[in-house]
Amino acid sequence: MITLVIYDISDDKDRYKVAELLMNYGLERIQYSGFKGILNTHDRLILAKVN
C-alpha cells in the first residue's frame, strides 16, 4: 500500500529519529519532513503506534 508520511517536529533530535525510522522501513524522502513508499499493513500499524 502506498504510504505518505508528513510530520511537523520542531526538535532536531526527534525529527532526525523519525526520519531514520522511516528510512529504515524503506520510505523515500520527498521533502524535508515528508516521506513516501510502499508499506504492508503490519508495518503501517507498527509505525502508527511508535511514540
N, C-alpha and C. Protein backbone atom coordinates (compact mmCIF):
# COMPACT_ATOMS: atom_id res chain seq x y z
N MET A 1 0.85 -1.16 0.00
CA MET A 1 0.00 0.00 0.00
C MET A 1 0.90 1.24 0.00
N ILE A 2 0.64 2.17 -0.87
CA ILE A 2 1.42 3.41 -0.91
C ILE A 2 1.11 4.22 0.34
N THR A 3 2.16 4.66 1.00
CA THR A 3 2.03 5.39 2.26
C THR A 3 2.71 6.73 2.15
N LEU A 4 2.05 7.75 2.62
CA LEU A 4 2.59 9.10 2.66
C LEU A 4 2.65 9.54 4.12
N VAL A 5 3.83 9.96 4.55
CA VAL A 5 4.02 10.41 5.93
C VAL A 5 4.54 11.84 5.89
N ILE A 6 3.82 12.72 6.54
CA ILE A 6 4.22 14.12 6.65
C ILE A 6 4.11 14.49 8.12
N TYR A 7 5.15 15.13 8.64
CA TYR A 7 5.15 15.47 10.05
C TYR A 7 5.74 16.86 10.28
N ASP A 8 5.43 17.41 11.44
CA ASP A 8 5.94 18.71 11.84
C ASP A 8 6.51 18.56 13.25
N ILE A 9 7.83 18.39 13.33
CA ILE A 9 8.51 18.21 14.61
C ILE A 9 9.56 19.30 14.73
N SER A 10 9.48 20.09 15.78
CA SER A 10 10.39 21.24 15.91
C SER A 10 11.76 20.85 16.46
N ASP A 11 11.84 19.82 17.27
CA ASP A 11 13.10 19.41 17.88
C ASP A 11 13.95 18.62 16.87
N ASP A 12 15.16 19.10 16.62
CA ASP A 12 16.03 18.47 15.62
C ASP A 12 16.32 17.01 15.93
N LYS A 13 16.59 16.70 17.17
CA LYS A 13 16.92 15.33 17.58
C LYS A 13 15.74 14.37 17.31
N ASP A 14 14.55 14.78 17.70
CA ASP A 14 13.36 13.96 17.47
C ASP A 14 13.06 13.82 15.98
N ARG A 15 13.21 14.91 15.24
CA ARG A 15 12.94 14.88 13.79
C ARG A 15 13.91 13.92 13.10
N TYR A 16 15.17 13.93 13.51
CA TYR A 16 16.17 13.04 12.94
C TYR A 16 15.82 11.58 13.23
N LYS A 17 15.38 11.28 14.45
CA LYS A 17 15.00 9.91 14.81
C LYS A 17 13.83 9.42 13.96
N VAL A 18 12.84 10.26 13.76
CA VAL A 18 11.69 9.87 12.94
C VAL A 18 12.12 9.63 11.50
N ALA A 19 12.96 10.51 10.96
CA ALA A 19 13.43 10.35 9.58
C ALA A 19 14.20 9.04 9.43
N GLU A 20 15.08 8.74 10.37
CA GLU A 20 15.85 7.49 10.30
C GLU A 20 14.93 6.27 10.37
N LEU A 21 13.94 6.32 11.25
CA LEU A 21 12.99 5.21 11.37
C LEU A 21 12.25 4.98 10.06
N LEU A 22 11.76 6.06 9.46
CA LEU A 22 11.02 5.93 8.21
C LEU A 22 11.91 5.40 7.09
N MET A 23 13.15 5.84 7.04
CA MET A 23 14.07 5.34 6.01
C MET A 23 14.39 3.86 6.25
N ASN A 24 14.46 3.44 7.52
CA ASN A 24 14.69 2.03 7.82
C ASN A 24 13.53 1.15 7.36
N TYR A 25 12.35 1.72 7.27
CA TYR A 25 11.20 0.98 6.76
C TYR A 25 11.11 1.05 5.24
N GLY A 26 12.09 1.69 4.62
CA GLY A 26 12.15 1.73 3.17
C GLY A 26 11.42 2.89 2.52
N LEU A 27 10.99 3.86 3.31
CA LEU A 27 10.32 5.01 2.74
C LEU A 27 11.35 5.97 2.16
N GLU A 28 10.96 6.68 1.15
CA GLU A 28 11.83 7.61 0.43
C GLU A 28 11.49 9.04 0.83
N ARG A 29 12.52 9.82 1.12
CA ARG A 29 12.29 11.23 1.48
C ARG A 29 11.90 12.00 0.23
N ILE A 30 10.75 12.71 0.29
CA ILE A 30 10.31 13.52 -0.84
C ILE A 30 10.38 15.01 -0.52
N GLN A 31 10.44 15.34 0.76
CA GLN A 31 10.65 16.70 1.24
C GLN A 31 11.36 16.58 2.57
N TYR A 32 11.68 17.71 3.17
CA TYR A 32 12.42 17.69 4.44
C TYR A 32 11.69 16.87 5.51
N SER A 33 10.39 17.02 5.62
CA SER A 33 9.60 16.26 6.59
C SER A 33 8.48 15.49 5.91
N GLY A 34 8.77 14.95 4.76
CA GLY A 34 7.79 14.17 4.02
C GLY A 34 8.43 12.94 3.40
N PHE A 35 7.77 11.80 3.58
CA PHE A 35 8.26 10.53 3.06
C PHE A 35 7.13 9.79 2.36
N LYS A 36 7.50 8.96 1.37
CA LYS A 36 6.50 8.11 0.73
C LYS A 36 7.15 6.78 0.41
N GLY A 37 6.30 5.79 0.24
CA GLY A 37 6.79 4.47 -0.11
C GLY A 37 5.70 3.44 0.07
N ILE A 38 6.08 2.21 -0.18
CA ILE A 38 5.13 1.10 -0.07
C ILE A 38 5.38 0.37 1.25
N LEU A 39 4.33 0.26 2.05
CA LEU A 39 4.39 -0.47 3.31
C LEU A 39 3.26 -1.49 3.35
N ASN A 40 3.53 -2.61 4.00
CA ASN A 40 2.44 -3.57 4.20
C ASN A 40 1.61 -3.12 5.41
N THR A 41 0.49 -3.75 5.61
CA THR A 41 -0.44 -3.35 6.67
C THR A 41 0.22 -3.45 8.05
N HIS A 42 0.98 -4.50 8.28
CA HIS A 42 1.64 -4.69 9.58
C HIS A 42 2.59 -3.54 9.88
N ASP A 43 3.44 -3.18 8.93
CA ASP A 43 4.39 -2.10 9.16
C ASP A 43 3.69 -0.76 9.36
N ARG A 44 2.59 -0.53 8.66
CA ARG A 44 1.82 0.70 8.86
C ARG A 44 1.28 0.78 10.28
N LEU A 45 0.79 -0.34 10.79
CA LEU A 45 0.28 -0.37 12.16
C LEU A 45 1.39 -0.13 13.17
N ILE A 46 2.55 -0.73 12.95
CA ILE A 46 3.68 -0.53 13.85
C ILE A 46 4.09 0.93 13.87
N LEU A 47 4.23 1.55 12.72
CA LEU A 47 4.63 2.96 12.66
C LEU A 47 3.59 3.87 13.29
N ALA A 48 2.33 3.53 13.18
CA ALA A 48 1.27 4.35 13.76
C ALA A 48 1.32 4.33 15.29
N LYS A 49 1.89 3.27 15.87
CA LYS A 49 1.93 3.12 17.33
C LYS A 49 3.23 3.61 17.94
N VAL A 50 4.22 3.97 17.14
CA VAL A 50 5.51 4.42 17.66
C VAL A 50 5.34 5.79 18.30
N ASN A 51 5.91 5.95 19.49
CA ASN A 51 5.84 7.25 20.19
C ASN A 51 7.09 8.02 19.96
